[in-house]
Amino acid sequence: GSLSDMSRDQAKEILISMGAKVSGSVSSKTDYLIAGEKAGSKLTKATDLGVAILNEEQFLKLIDFD
């Protein structure tokens, strides 16, 4: 889904700068899914696989975004 405080590209750049590997798909190797508004099939798949899910507020706190 979409994020309200930043674009997907901005979020991706921040995560990469922190050393994260960012993927466009969800698998059993995925550690976290950042779920924005209107999250769809990726959220469902992450839930089914037991992947940790962060909402936008949790993600922003994690990266200390002001």
Protein backbone atom coordinates (compact mmCIF):
# COMPACT_ATOMS: atom_id res chain seq x y z
CA GLY A 1 0.00 0.00 0.00
CA SER A 2 0.97 3.64 -0.16
CA LEU A 3 2.74 5.55 2.59
CA SER A 4 1.44 8.97 3.59
CA ASP A 5 4.68 10.56 4.91
CA MET A 6 7.09 9.50 2.17
CA SER A 7 7.24 7.79 -1.18
CA ARG A 8 8.14 4.13 -1.57
CA ASP A 9 11.41 5.19 -3.19
CA GLN A 10 12.28 7.37 -0.18
CA ALA A 11 11.51 4.52 2.21
CA LYS A 12 13.61 2.16 0.09
CA GLU A 13 16.56 4.58 0.07
CA ILE A 14 16.40 4.98 3.85
CA LEU A 15 16.30 1.23 4.40
CA ILE A 16 19.18 0.57 2.02
CA SER A 17 21.25 3.26 3.74
CA MET A 18 20.64 1.36 6.99
CA GLY A 19 21.96 -1.85 5.41
CA ALA A 20 18.64 -3.51 4.64
CA LYS A 21 17.98 -5.57 1.56
CA VAL A 22 14.71 -4.36 0.03
CA SER A 23 12.57 -6.68 -2.08
CA GLY A 24 9.42 -6.16 -4.06
CA SER A 25 8.05 -9.55 -3.11
CA VAL A 26 7.24 -11.44 0.08
CA SER A 27 8.68 -14.87 0.86
CA SER A 28 9.56 -16.99 3.86
CA LYS A 29 12.94 -15.22 3.86
CA THR A 30 11.30 -11.81 4.39
CA ASP A 31 11.95 -10.38 7.85
CA TYR A 32 9.52 -7.42 7.80
CA LEU A 33 6.75 -6.00 5.67
CA ILE A 34 5.95 -2.30 5.91
CA ALA A 35 2.24 -2.07 5.27
CA GLY A 36 0.82 1.26 4.15
CA GLU A 37 -2.74 2.22 3.37
CA LYS A 38 -4.67 -0.22 1.21
CA ALA A 39 -2.10 -2.97 1.63
CA GLY A 40 -3.21 -5.87 -0.49
CA SER A 41 -1.98 -9.30 -1.45
CA LYS A 42 1.52 -8.81 -0.03
CA LEU A 43 0.00 -8.19 3.41
CA THR A 44 -2.08 -11.34 3.10
CA LYS A 45 0.95 -13.38 2.04
CA ALA A 46 3.10 -11.93 4.84
CA THR A 47 0.41 -12.80 7.37
CA ASP A 48 0.13 -16.34 6.01
CA LEU A 49 3.93 -16.78 6.21
CA GLY A 50 4.20 -15.32 9.72
CA VAL A 51 6.31 -12.36 8.56
CA ALA A 52 6.54 -9.44 11.03
CA ILE A 53 4.39 -6.54 9.83
CA LEU A 54 5.04 -2.88 10.62
CA ASN A 55 2.50 -0.16 9.97
CA GLU A 56 3.74 3.23 8.79
CA GLU A 57 3.83 4.72 12.30
CA GLN A 58 5.95 1.83 13.61
CA PHE A 59 8.28 2.12 10.62
CA LEU A 60 8.75 5.86 11.13
CA LYS A 61 9.57 5.33 14.82
CA LEU A 62 12.03 2.61 13.89
CA ILE A 63 13.94 4.89 11.53
CA ASP A 64 13.46 7.94 13.80
CA PHE A 65 11.83 9.95 11.00
CA ASP A 66 10.65 13.42 12.00
